[in-house]
C-alpha atoms as a PDB file:
ATOM      1  CA  MET A   1      31.074   9.046  -8.210  1.00  0.00           C
ATOM      2  CA  SER A   2      27.181   8.841  -7.071  1.00  0.00           C
ATOM      3  CA  GLU A   3      24.353  11.311  -7.695  1.00  0.00           C
ATOM      4  CA  THR A   4      21.193  11.320  -6.221  1.00  0.00           C
ATOM      5  CA  LYS A   5      17.834  13.302  -6.757  1.00  0.00           C
ATOM      6  CA  GLU A   6      15.017  12.885  -3.859  1.00  0.00           C
ATOM      7  CA  LEU A   7      11.109  14.241  -4.408  1.00  0.00           C
ATOM      8  CA  THR A   8       8.054  13.723  -1.964  1.00  0.00           C
ATOM      9  CA  LEU A   9       4.573  13.653  -3.833  1.00  0.00           C
ATOM     10  CA  PRO A  10       1.257  13.163  -2.963  1.00  0.00           C
ATOM     11  CA  SER A  11      -1.274  10.348  -3.030  1.00  0.00           C
ATOM     12  CA  ARG A  12      -2.960  11.363  -6.138  1.00  0.00           C
ATOM     13  CA  ILE A  13      -2.947   9.720  -9.631  1.00  0.00           C
ATOM     14  CA  GLU A  14      -1.118  12.470 -11.284  1.00  0.00           C
ATOM     15  CA  SER A  15       2.247  12.370  -8.973  1.00  0.00           C
ATOM     16  CA  VAL A  16       2.569   9.085 -11.307  1.00  0.00           C
ATOM     17  CA  ASP A  17       3.956  11.553 -14.454  1.00  0.00           C
ATOM     18  CA  GLN A  18       5.310  13.646 -12.381  1.00  0.00           C
ATOM     19  CA  ALA A  19       7.781  10.983 -10.832  1.00  0.00           C
ATOM     20  CA  ALA A  20       8.058   9.626 -14.424  1.00  0.00           C
ATOM     21  CA  LEU A  21       9.165  13.193 -15.493  1.00  0.00           C
ATOM     22  CA  GLU A  22      11.425  13.178 -12.833  1.00  0.00           C
ATOM     23  CA  ALA A  23      13.258  10.065 -13.422  1.00  0.00           C
ATOM     24  CA  ASP A  24      13.740  11.144 -17.182  1.00  0.00           C
ATOM     25  CA  GLU A  25      15.061  14.592 -16.567  1.00  0.00           C
ATOM     26  CA  PHE A  26      17.509  13.145 -13.926  1.00  0.00           C
ATOM     27  CA  ALA A  27      18.430  10.167 -16.382  1.00  0.00           C
ATOM     28  CA  LYS A  28      19.543  12.742 -19.301  1.00  0.00           C
ATOM     29  CA  SER A  29      21.195  14.769 -16.501  1.00  0.00           C
ATOM     30  CA  VAL A  30      23.783  11.948 -15.599  1.00  0.00           C
ATOM     31  CA  GLY A  31      23.857  10.701 -19.574  1.00  0.00           C
ATOM     32  CA  LEU A  32      22.095   8.148 -19.929  1.00  0.00           C
ATOM     33  CA  ASP A  33      20.732   6.882 -23.003  1.00  0.00           C
ATOM     34  CA  ASP A  34      16.828   6.639 -24.227  1.00  0.00           C
ATOM     35  CA  GLU A  35      16.547   2.635 -24.291  1.00  0.00           C
ATOM     36  CA  PHE A  36      17.901   2.921 -20.857  1.00  0.00           C
ATOM     37  CA  ILE A  37      15.617   5.582 -19.651  1.00  0.00           C
ATOM     38  CA  SER A  38      12.574   3.892 -21.457  1.00  0.00           C
ATOM     39  CA  ALA A  39      12.997   0.865 -18.878  1.00  0.00           C
ATOM     40  CA  ILE A  40      13.475   3.553 -15.985  1.00  0.00           C
ATOM     41  CA  ASP A  41      10.597   5.263 -17.185  1.00  0.00           C
ATOM     42  CA  LEU A  42       7.451   2.387 -17.125  1.00  0.00           C
ATOM     43  CA  ALA A  43       9.581   0.961 -13.779  1.00  0.00           C
ATOM     44  CA  VAL A  44       8.688   4.616 -12.134  1.00  0.00           C
ATOM     45  CA  ARG A  45       5.303   4.928 -13.490  1.00  0.00           C
ATOM     46  CA  GLU A  46       4.754   0.931 -12.104  1.00  0.00           C
ATOM     47  CA  SER A  47       6.412   1.765  -8.499  1.00  0.00           C
ATOM     48  CA  VAL A  48       4.520   4.840  -8.255  1.00  0.00           C
ATOM     49  CA  ALA A  49       1.302   3.814  -9.248  1.00  0.00           C
ATOM     50  CA  ASN A  50       1.456   0.790  -6.866  1.00  0.00           C
ATOM     51  CA  ALA A  51       1.951   3.072  -4.019  1.00  0.00           C
ATOM     52  CA  VAL A  52      -0.097   5.932  -5.044  1.00  0.00           C
ATOM     53  CA  LYS A  53      -3.422   3.061  -5.580  1.00  0.00           C
ATOM     54  CA  HIS A  54      -2.807  -0.283  -3.273  1.00  0.00           C
ATOM     55  CA  GLY A  55      -0.204   1.522  -0.757  1.00  0.00           C
ATOM     56  CA  ASN A  56      -1.382   4.750   0.189  1.00  0.00           C
ATOM     57  CA  LYS A  57      -5.054   3.898  -1.078  1.00  0.00           C
ATOM     58  CA  PHE A  58      -4.948   7.626  -2.676  1.00  0.00           C
ATOM     59  CA  ASP A  59      -5.125   9.069   0.496  1.00  0.00           C
ATOM     60  CA  GLU A  60      -3.664  12.758  -0.044  1.00  0.00           C
ATOM     61  CA  THR A  61      -2.295  12.910   3.702  1.00  0.00           C
ATOM     62  CA  LYS A  62      -0.377  10.342   2.648  1.00  0.00           C
ATOM     63  CA  GLN A  63       3.159  10.713   0.958  1.00  0.00           C
ATOM     64  CA  VAL A  64       5.408   9.285  -1.466  1.00  0.00           C
ATOM     65  CA  GLU A  65       8.603   9.366  -1.177  1.00  0.00           C
ATOM     66  CA  ILE A  66      10.943   8.406  -4.097  1.00  0.00           C
ATOM     67  CA  LYS A  67      14.915   8.641  -4.615  1.00  0.00           C
ATOM     68  CA  PHE A  68      16.914   8.182  -7.924  1.00  0.00           C
ATOM     69  CA  SER A  69      20.643   7.598  -7.487  1.00  0.00           C
ATOM     70  CA  ARG A  70      23.093   7.467 -10.152  1.00  0.00           C
ATOM     71  CA  SER A  71      26.466   5.197  -9.201  1.00  0.00           C
ATOM     72  CA  ALA A  72      29.019   3.125 -10.737  1.00  0.00           C
ATOM     73  CA  GLU A  73      26.861   0.100 -10.660  1.00  0.00           C
ATOM     74  CA  GLY A  74      23.722   1.521 -12.549  1.00  0.00           C
ATOM     75  CA  PHE A  75      20.868   3.442 -11.817  1.00  0.00           C
ATOM     76  CA  GLU A  76      18.215   2.701  -8.683  1.00  0.00           C
ATOM     77  CA  VAL A  77      15.084   3.630  -8.048  1.00  0.00           C
ATOM     78  CA  GLN A  78      13.510   3.695  -4.803  1.00  0.00           C
ATOM     79  CA  VAL A  79       9.939   4.320  -3.820  1.00  0.00           C
ATOM     80  CA  ARG A  80       8.333   4.430  -0.251  1.00  0.00           C
ATOM     81  CA  ASP A  81       4.987   4.606   0.539  1.00  0.00           C
ATOM     82  CA  PHE A  82       2.905   4.244   4.014  1.00  0.00           C
ATOM     83  CA  GLY A  83       0.364   1.636   3.299  1.00  0.00           C
ATOM     84  CA  ALA A  84       0.400  -1.616   5.318  1.00  0.00           C
ATOM     85  CA  GLY A  85       2.702  -3.186   3.321  1.00  0.00           C
ATOM     86  CA  PHE A  86       2.078  -6.441   1.376  1.00  0.00           C
ATOM     87  CA  ASP A  87       4.061 -10.249   0.191  1.00  0.00           C
ATOM     88  CA  PRO A  88       5.184 -10.269  -2.924  1.00  0.00           C
ATOM     89  CA  ALA A  89       4.635 -13.972  -2.954  1.00  0.00           C
ATOM     90  CA  ASP A  90       1.031 -13.755  -2.539  1.00  0.00           C
ATOM     91  CA  ILE A  91       0.241 -11.432  -5.315  1.00  0.00           C
ATOM     92  CA  PRO A  92      -0.879 -14.398  -8.584  1.00  0.00           C
ATOM     93  CA  ASP A  93       1.632 -14.796 -10.877  1.00  0.00           C
ATOM     94  CA  PRO A  94       0.024 -12.877 -14.293  1.00  0.00           C
ATOM     95  CA  THR A  95       1.741 -15.203 -16.698  1.00  0.00           C
ATOM     96  CA  ASN A  96      -0.593 -18.279 -15.465  1.00  0.00           C
ATOM     97  CA  PRO A  97      -3.448 -19.156 -17.718  1.00  0.00           C
ATOM     98  CA  ALA A  98      -5.842 -19.140 -15.087  1.00  0.00           C
ATOM     99  CA  ASN A  99      -4.628 -14.971 -13.924  1.00  0.00           C
ATOM    100  CA  LEU A 100      -4.717 -13.921 -17.872  1.00  0.00           C
ATOM    101  CA  LEU A 101      -7.898 -11.546 -17.140  1.00  0.00           C
ATOM    102  CA  LYS A 102      -6.967 -10.523 -13.332  1.00  0.00           C
ATOM    103  CA  ALA A 103      -5.845  -6.815 -13.756  1.00  0.00           C
ATOM    104  CA  SER A 104      -3.503  -7.620 -10.611  1.00  0.00           C
ATOM    105  CA  GLY A 105       0.014  -8.268 -10.542  1.00  0.00           C
ATOM    106  CA  ARG A 106       0.927  -7.153 -13.831  1.00  0.00           C
ATOM    107  CA  GLY A 107       2.886  -4.552 -12.491  1.00  0.00           C
ATOM    108  CA  ILE A 108       5.712  -6.691 -10.519  1.00  0.00           C
ATOM    109  CA  LEU A 109       5.734  -8.249 -13.412  1.00  0.00           C
ATOM    110  CA  PHE A 110       6.650  -5.165 -15.246  1.00  0.00           C
ATOM    111  CA  MET A 111       8.875  -3.789 -12.641  1.00  0.00           C
ATOM    112  CA  ARG A 112      10.741  -7.304 -12.802  1.00  0.00           C
ATOM    113  CA  SER A 113      11.447  -7.716 -16.923  1.00  0.00           C
ATOM    114  CA  PHE A 114      12.548  -3.484 -17.088  1.00  0.00           C
ATOM    115  CA  MET A 115      15.159  -3.869 -14.074  1.00  0.00           C
ATOM    116  CA  ASP A 116      17.581  -5.688 -12.828  1.00  0.00           C
ATOM    117  CA  GLU A 117      17.083  -5.848  -9.443  1.00  0.00           C
ATOM    118  CA  VAL A 118      13.680  -5.700  -7.943  1.00  0.00           C
ATOM    119  CA  GLU A 119      13.263  -6.075  -4.205  1.00  0.00           C
ATOM    120  CA  TRP A 120      10.569  -4.762  -1.565  1.00  0.00           C
ATOM    121  CA  SER A 121      11.374  -4.358   2.418  1.00  0.00           C
ATOM    122  CA  ASN A 122       9.195  -2.819   5.138  1.00  0.00           C
ATOM    123  CA  HIS A 123      10.714   0.339   6.451  1.00  0.00           C
ATOM    124  CA  ASP A 124      10.812   0.498   9.761  1.00  0.00           C
ATOM    125  CA  GLY A 125       8.803   3.580  10.383  1.00  0.00           C
ATOM    126  CA  GLY A 126       5.902   2.513   8.833  1.00  0.00           C
ATOM    127  CA  GLY A 127       5.278   1.493   4.884  1.00  0.00           C
ATOM    128  CA  LEU A 128       6.546  -0.295   2.515  1.00  0.00           C
ATOM    129  CA  ILE A 129       9.814   0.384   0.275  1.00  0.00           C
ATOM    130  CA  VAL A 130      10.657  -0.852  -3.461  1.00  0.00           C
ATOM    131  CA  LYS A 131      14.654  -0.307  -4.434  1.00  0.00           C
ATOM    132  CA  MET A 132      15.002  -1.311  -7.913  1.00  0.00           C
ATOM    133  CA  LEU A 133      18.316  -1.245  -9.890  1.00  0.00           C
ATOM    134  CA  LYS A 134      18.982  -1.100 -13.997  1.00  0.00           C
ATOM    135  CA  LYS A 135      23.168  -2.335 -14.035  1.00  0.00           C
ATOM    136  CA  GLN A 136      25.083   0.003 -16.957  1.00  0.00           C
END
């Protein structure tokens, strides 16, 4: 059995908290525990913040599409922006001593540490999609 919740939010920083709240409520409604929900919360916050800030560049005419899915495999989060996209390999490694004081790159590190799978892809209709899975 699989359950899904989808939402579309405007490209503003307040959408980060709203997306996290929706993720928390959905995760609780499908019976996940607090530790599991904390990891999802942080990954949702990072991915939506990236979509708003880097993807859509705070352009409120562009939306952020978010989808939460609960399946036998675990909990999946999908976030789509409508920006130009990027190659994750181009982001400097924040754990490299030369990059420790740089502001960028940490969100990807956080998402990868809190979730079991994280992948990016370009959407056929434009924008970038990040898919994250937290295994059960």
